[in-house]
């Protein structure tokens, strides 16, 4: 029985993927926009400057930096109050 099932199997054909253009090995951080974010946590304001392409990626980066550098900052309790994209 097992040999007959093996005989009926067909080889899998994978689609060819298009070639990607060569990506730069390093992204210049000064080329990314700067973001000033202000959070409120337990009634205290916390401010942070990060570089990111979008606000969506800047917010978690700022939360990580603030929780690393400030033991009073609780990233799960903090609310984003203000976000400002700045040119540097």
N, C-alpha and C. Protein backbone atom coordinates (compact mmCIF):
# COMPACT_ATOMS: atom_id res chain seq x y z
N UNK A 1 0.82 -1.19 0.00
CA UNK A 1 0.00 0.00 0.00
C UNK A 1 0.86 1.26 0.00
N UNK A 2 1.91 1.28 0.81
CA UNK A 2 2.72 2.47 0.92
C UNK A 2 3.45 2.77 -0.38
N UNK A 3 3.88 1.76 -1.08
CA UNK A 3 4.61 2.00 -2.32
C UNK A 3 3.71 2.59 -3.39
N UNK A 4 2.45 2.20 -3.42
CA UNK A 4 1.53 2.74 -4.43
C UNK A 4 1.23 4.22 -4.16
N UNK A 5 1.15 4.60 -2.88
CA UNK A 5 0.92 6.00 -2.55
C UNK A 5 2.13 6.84 -2.92
N UNK A 6 3.31 6.34 -2.73
CA UNK A 6 4.52 7.07 -3.09
C UNK A 6 4.59 7.27 -4.60
N UNK A 7 4.15 6.28 -5.36
CA UNK A 7 4.21 6.38 -6.81
C UNK A 7 3.27 7.45 -7.34
N UNK A 8 2.18 7.73 -6.63
CA UNK A 8 1.20 8.71 -7.10
C UNK A 8 1.60 10.15 -6.80
N UNK A 9 2.61 10.33 -5.96
CA UNK A 9 3.02 11.69 -5.62
C UNK A 9 3.68 12.37 -6.81
N UNK A 10 3.41 13.63 -6.95
CA UNK A 10 4.05 14.41 -8.02
C UNK A 10 5.00 15.41 -7.39
N UNK A 11 6.09 15.74 -8.05
CA UNK A 11 7.02 16.70 -7.48
C UNK A 11 6.40 18.09 -7.42
N UNK A 12 6.78 18.83 -6.42
CA UNK A 12 6.25 20.17 -6.21
C UNK A 12 7.02 21.15 -7.09
N UNK A 13 6.29 22.03 -7.76
CA UNK A 13 6.89 23.07 -8.59
C UNK A 13 6.73 24.41 -7.87
N UNK A 14 7.84 25.07 -7.59
CA UNK A 14 7.78 26.37 -6.95
C UNK A 14 7.88 27.46 -8.01
N UNK A 15 7.16 28.55 -7.77
CA UNK A 15 7.22 29.67 -8.70
C UNK A 15 8.55 30.39 -8.54
N UNK A 16 9.04 30.91 -9.63
CA UNK A 16 10.28 31.69 -9.58
C UNK A 16 9.98 33.08 -9.03
N UNK A 17 10.80 33.52 -8.08
CA UNK A 17 10.61 34.84 -7.49
C UNK A 17 11.39 35.87 -8.29
N UNK A 18 10.83 37.06 -8.43
CA UNK A 18 11.57 38.10 -9.16
C UNK A 18 12.78 38.54 -8.35
N UNK A 19 13.82 38.96 -9.04
CA UNK A 19 15.02 39.44 -8.36
C UNK A 19 14.75 40.80 -7.75
N UNK A 20 15.23 40.98 -6.53
CA UNK A 20 15.11 42.27 -5.86
C UNK A 20 16.31 43.14 -6.22
N UNK A 21 16.06 44.44 -6.29
CA UNK A 21 17.18 45.35 -6.50
C UNK A 21 18.06 45.32 -5.27
N UNK A 22 19.31 45.60 -5.47
CA UNK A 22 20.23 45.57 -4.33
C UNK A 22 19.87 46.69 -3.36
N UNK A 23 19.64 46.29 -2.13
CA UNK A 23 19.32 47.26 -1.09
C UNK A 23 20.61 47.79 -0.49
N UNK A 24 20.61 49.05 -0.07
CA UNK A 24 21.83 49.57 0.56
C UNK A 24 22.11 48.82 1.86
N UNK A 25 23.39 48.55 2.09
CA UNK A 25 23.74 47.78 3.28
C UNK A 25 23.51 48.58 4.56
N UNK A 26 23.68 49.89 4.48
CA UNK A 26 23.45 50.72 5.66
C UNK A 26 22.56 51.89 5.27
N UNK A 27 21.58 52.16 6.09
CA UNK A 27 20.72 53.32 5.87
C UNK A 27 21.28 54.46 6.71
N UNK A 28 21.45 55.61 6.09
CA UNK A 28 21.97 56.77 6.79
C UNK A 28 20.90 57.26 7.77
N UNK A 29 21.14 57.21 9.09
CA UNK A 29 20.10 57.60 10.04
C UNK A 29 19.72 59.08 9.93
N UNK A 30 20.65 59.91 9.45
CA UNK A 30 20.32 61.33 9.33
C UNK A 30 19.36 61.58 8.18
N UNK A 31 19.20 60.60 7.28
CA UNK A 31 18.26 60.77 6.17
C UNK A 31 16.82 60.53 6.61
N UNK A 32 16.63 59.90 7.76
CA UNK A 32 15.27 59.64 8.25
C UNK A 32 14.75 60.87 9.00
N UNK A 33 13.44 61.09 8.95
CA UNK A 33 12.88 62.22 9.70
C UNK A 33 13.02 62.03 11.20
N UNK A 34 13.09 63.13 11.91
CA UNK A 34 13.14 63.09 13.36
C UNK A 34 11.75 63.30 13.94
N UNK A 35 11.49 62.68 15.07
CA UNK A 35 10.19 62.79 15.74
C UNK A 35 10.40 63.15 17.20
N UNK A 36 9.68 64.15 17.66
CA UNK A 36 9.64 64.47 19.08
C UNK A 36 8.31 63.95 19.61
N UNK A 37 8.38 63.03 20.53
CA UNK A 37 7.17 62.44 21.09
C UNK A 37 7.09 62.75 22.57
N UNK A 38 5.88 63.03 23.03
CA UNK A 38 5.65 63.28 24.45
C UNK A 38 4.59 62.31 24.95
N UNK A 39 4.91 61.64 26.04
CA UNK A 39 4.01 60.67 26.66
C UNK A 39 3.63 61.15 28.05
N UNK A 40 2.49 60.70 28.54
CA UNK A 40 2.08 60.94 29.91
C UNK A 40 1.98 59.58 30.59
N UNK A 41 2.68 59.47 31.72
CA UNK A 41 2.67 58.22 32.46
C UNK A 41 2.60 58.55 33.94
N UNK A 42 1.53 58.11 34.60
CA UNK A 42 1.31 58.37 36.02
C UNK A 42 1.36 59.87 36.34
N UNK A 43 0.81 60.68 35.43
CA UNK A 43 0.74 62.12 35.65
C UNK A 43 2.00 62.89 35.34
N UNK A 44 3.06 62.22 34.91
CA UNK A 44 4.31 62.89 34.58
C UNK A 44 4.53 62.87 33.08
N UNK A 45 5.04 63.98 32.50
CA UNK A 45 5.36 63.98 31.08
C UNK A 45 6.75 63.38 30.83
N UNK A 46 6.88 62.63 29.76
CA UNK A 46 8.16 62.07 29.32
C UNK A 46 8.32 62.43 27.86
N UNK A 47 9.47 62.97 27.50
CA UNK A 47 9.74 63.39 26.12
C UNK A 47 10.90 62.58 25.56
N UNK A 48 10.82 62.35 24.24
CA UNK A 48 11.86 61.56 23.59
C UNK A 48 12.00 62.01 22.13
N UNK A 49 13.22 61.99 21.63
CA UNK A 49 13.49 62.26 20.21
C UNK A 49 13.99 60.97 19.57
N UNK A 50 13.37 60.57 18.46
CA UNK A 50 13.79 59.37 17.73
C UNK A 50 13.79 59.67 16.24
N UNK A 51 14.51 58.86 15.52
CA UNK A 51 14.49 58.93 14.05
C UNK A 51 13.75 57.70 13.53
N UNK A 52 12.76 57.96 12.69
CA UNK A 52 11.97 56.87 12.10
C UNK A 52 11.29 57.39 10.85
N UNK A 53 10.89 56.48 9.99
CA UNK A 53 10.25 56.89 8.73
C UNK A 53 8.82 57.35 8.96
N UNK A 54 8.11 56.74 9.90
CA UNK A 54 6.71 57.09 10.14
C UNK A 54 6.45 57.19 11.64
N UNK A 55 5.35 57.82 11.98
CA UNK A 55 4.95 57.90 13.38
C UNK A 55 4.67 56.51 13.94
N UNK A 56 4.13 55.65 13.10
CA UNK A 56 3.81 54.29 13.54
C UNK A 56 5.06 53.54 13.99
N UNK A 57 6.19 53.79 13.36
CA UNK A 57 7.43 53.13 13.78
C UNK A 57 8.18 53.94 14.84
N UNK A 58 7.91 55.24 14.93
CA UNK A 58 8.58 56.09 15.92
C UNK A 58 8.05 55.83 17.33
N UNK A 59 6.75 55.60 17.46
CA UNK A 59 6.16 55.43 18.79
C UNK A 59 6.74 54.24 19.55
N UNK A 60 6.81 53.03 18.99
CA UNK A 60 7.38 51.92 19.77
C UNK A 60 8.87 52.12 20.07
N UNK A 61 9.58 52.77 19.15
CA UNK A 61 11.00 53.05 19.39
C UNK A 61 11.17 54.00 20.58
N UNK A 62 10.32 55.02 20.65
CA UNK A 62 10.38 55.97 21.77
C UNK A 62 10.00 55.28 23.07
N UNK A 63 9.00 54.41 23.03
CA UNK A 63 8.60 53.69 24.24
C UNK A 63 9.75 52.81 24.76
N UNK A 64 10.47 52.17 23.84
CA UNK A 64 11.62 51.35 24.23
C UNK A 64 12.71 52.20 24.87
N UNK A 65 13.02 53.32 24.23
CA UNK A 65 14.08 54.18 24.77
C UNK A 65 13.71 54.74 26.13
N UNK A 66 12.47 55.20 26.27
CA UNK A 66 12.06 55.78 27.54
C UNK A 66 12.03 54.75 28.66
N UNK A 67 11.56 53.54 28.37
CA UNK A 67 11.52 52.53 29.42
C UNK A 67 12.92 52.04 29.78
N UNK A 68 13.86 52.12 28.86
CA UNK A 68 15.23 51.72 29.16
C UNK A 68 15.94 52.77 30.03
N UNK A 69 15.73 54.05 29.69
CA UNK A 69 16.45 55.12 30.37
C UNK A 69 15.73 55.66 31.61
N UNK A 70 14.43 55.44 31.74
CA UNK A 70 13.66 55.97 32.87
C UNK A 70 12.92 54.82 33.56
N UNK A 71 13.34 54.45 34.76
CA UNK A 71 12.65 53.35 35.45
C UNK A 71 11.22 53.69 35.84
N UNK A 72 10.87 54.99 35.91
CA UNK A 72 9.50 55.39 36.27
C UNK A 72 8.54 55.30 35.09
N UNK A 73 9.06 55.11 33.88
CA UNK A 73 8.21 55.08 32.70
C UNK A 73 7.68 53.67 32.49
N UNK A 74 6.35 53.53 32.44
CA UNK A 74 5.70 52.25 32.19
C UNK A 74 5.10 52.31 30.79
N UNK A 75 5.70 51.62 29.85
CA UNK A 75 5.27 51.74 28.45
C UNK A 75 3.86 51.22 28.21
N UNK A 76 3.39 50.28 29.03
CA UNK A 76 2.04 49.76 28.83
C UNK A 76 0.97 50.72 29.37
N UNK A 77 1.35 51.57 30.32
CA UNK A 77 0.40 52.53 30.90
C UNK A 77 0.47 53.91 30.24
N UNK A 78 1.56 54.20 29.55
CA UNK A 78 1.79 55.54 29.01
C UNK A 78 0.86 55.83 27.83
N UNK A 79 0.45 57.11 27.76
CA UNK A 79 -0.37 57.58 26.64
C UNK A 79 0.45 58.56 25.81
N UNK A 80 0.35 58.44 24.51
CA UNK A 80 1.00 59.39 23.62
C UNK A 80 0.19 60.67 23.60
N UNK A 81 0.81 61.77 24.00
CA UNK A 81 0.12 63.06 24.06
C UNK A 81 0.37 63.88 22.81
N UNK A 82 1.64 63.93 22.41
CA UNK A 82 2.01 64.79 21.29
C UNK A 82 3.08 64.13 20.46
N UNK A 83 2.94 64.26 19.15
CA UNK A 83 3.96 63.77 18.23
C UNK A 83 4.20 64.85 17.19
N UNK A 84 5.45 65.19 17.01
CA UNK A 84 5.81 66.27 16.10
C UNK A 84 6.97 65.82 15.24
N UNK A 85 6.78 65.90 13.91
CA UNK A 85 7.88 65.58 13.01
C UNK A 85 8.72 66.83 12.84
N UNK A 86 10.02 66.70 13.04
CA UNK A 86 10.92 67.85 12.98
C UNK A 86 12.00 67.63 11.93
N UNK A 87 12.48 68.73 11.39
CA UNK A 87 13.62 68.67 10.47
C UNK A 87 14.87 69.00 11.24
N UNK A 88 15.89 68.16 11.05
CA UNK A 88 17.15 68.42 11.72
C UNK A 88 18.26 68.48 10.73
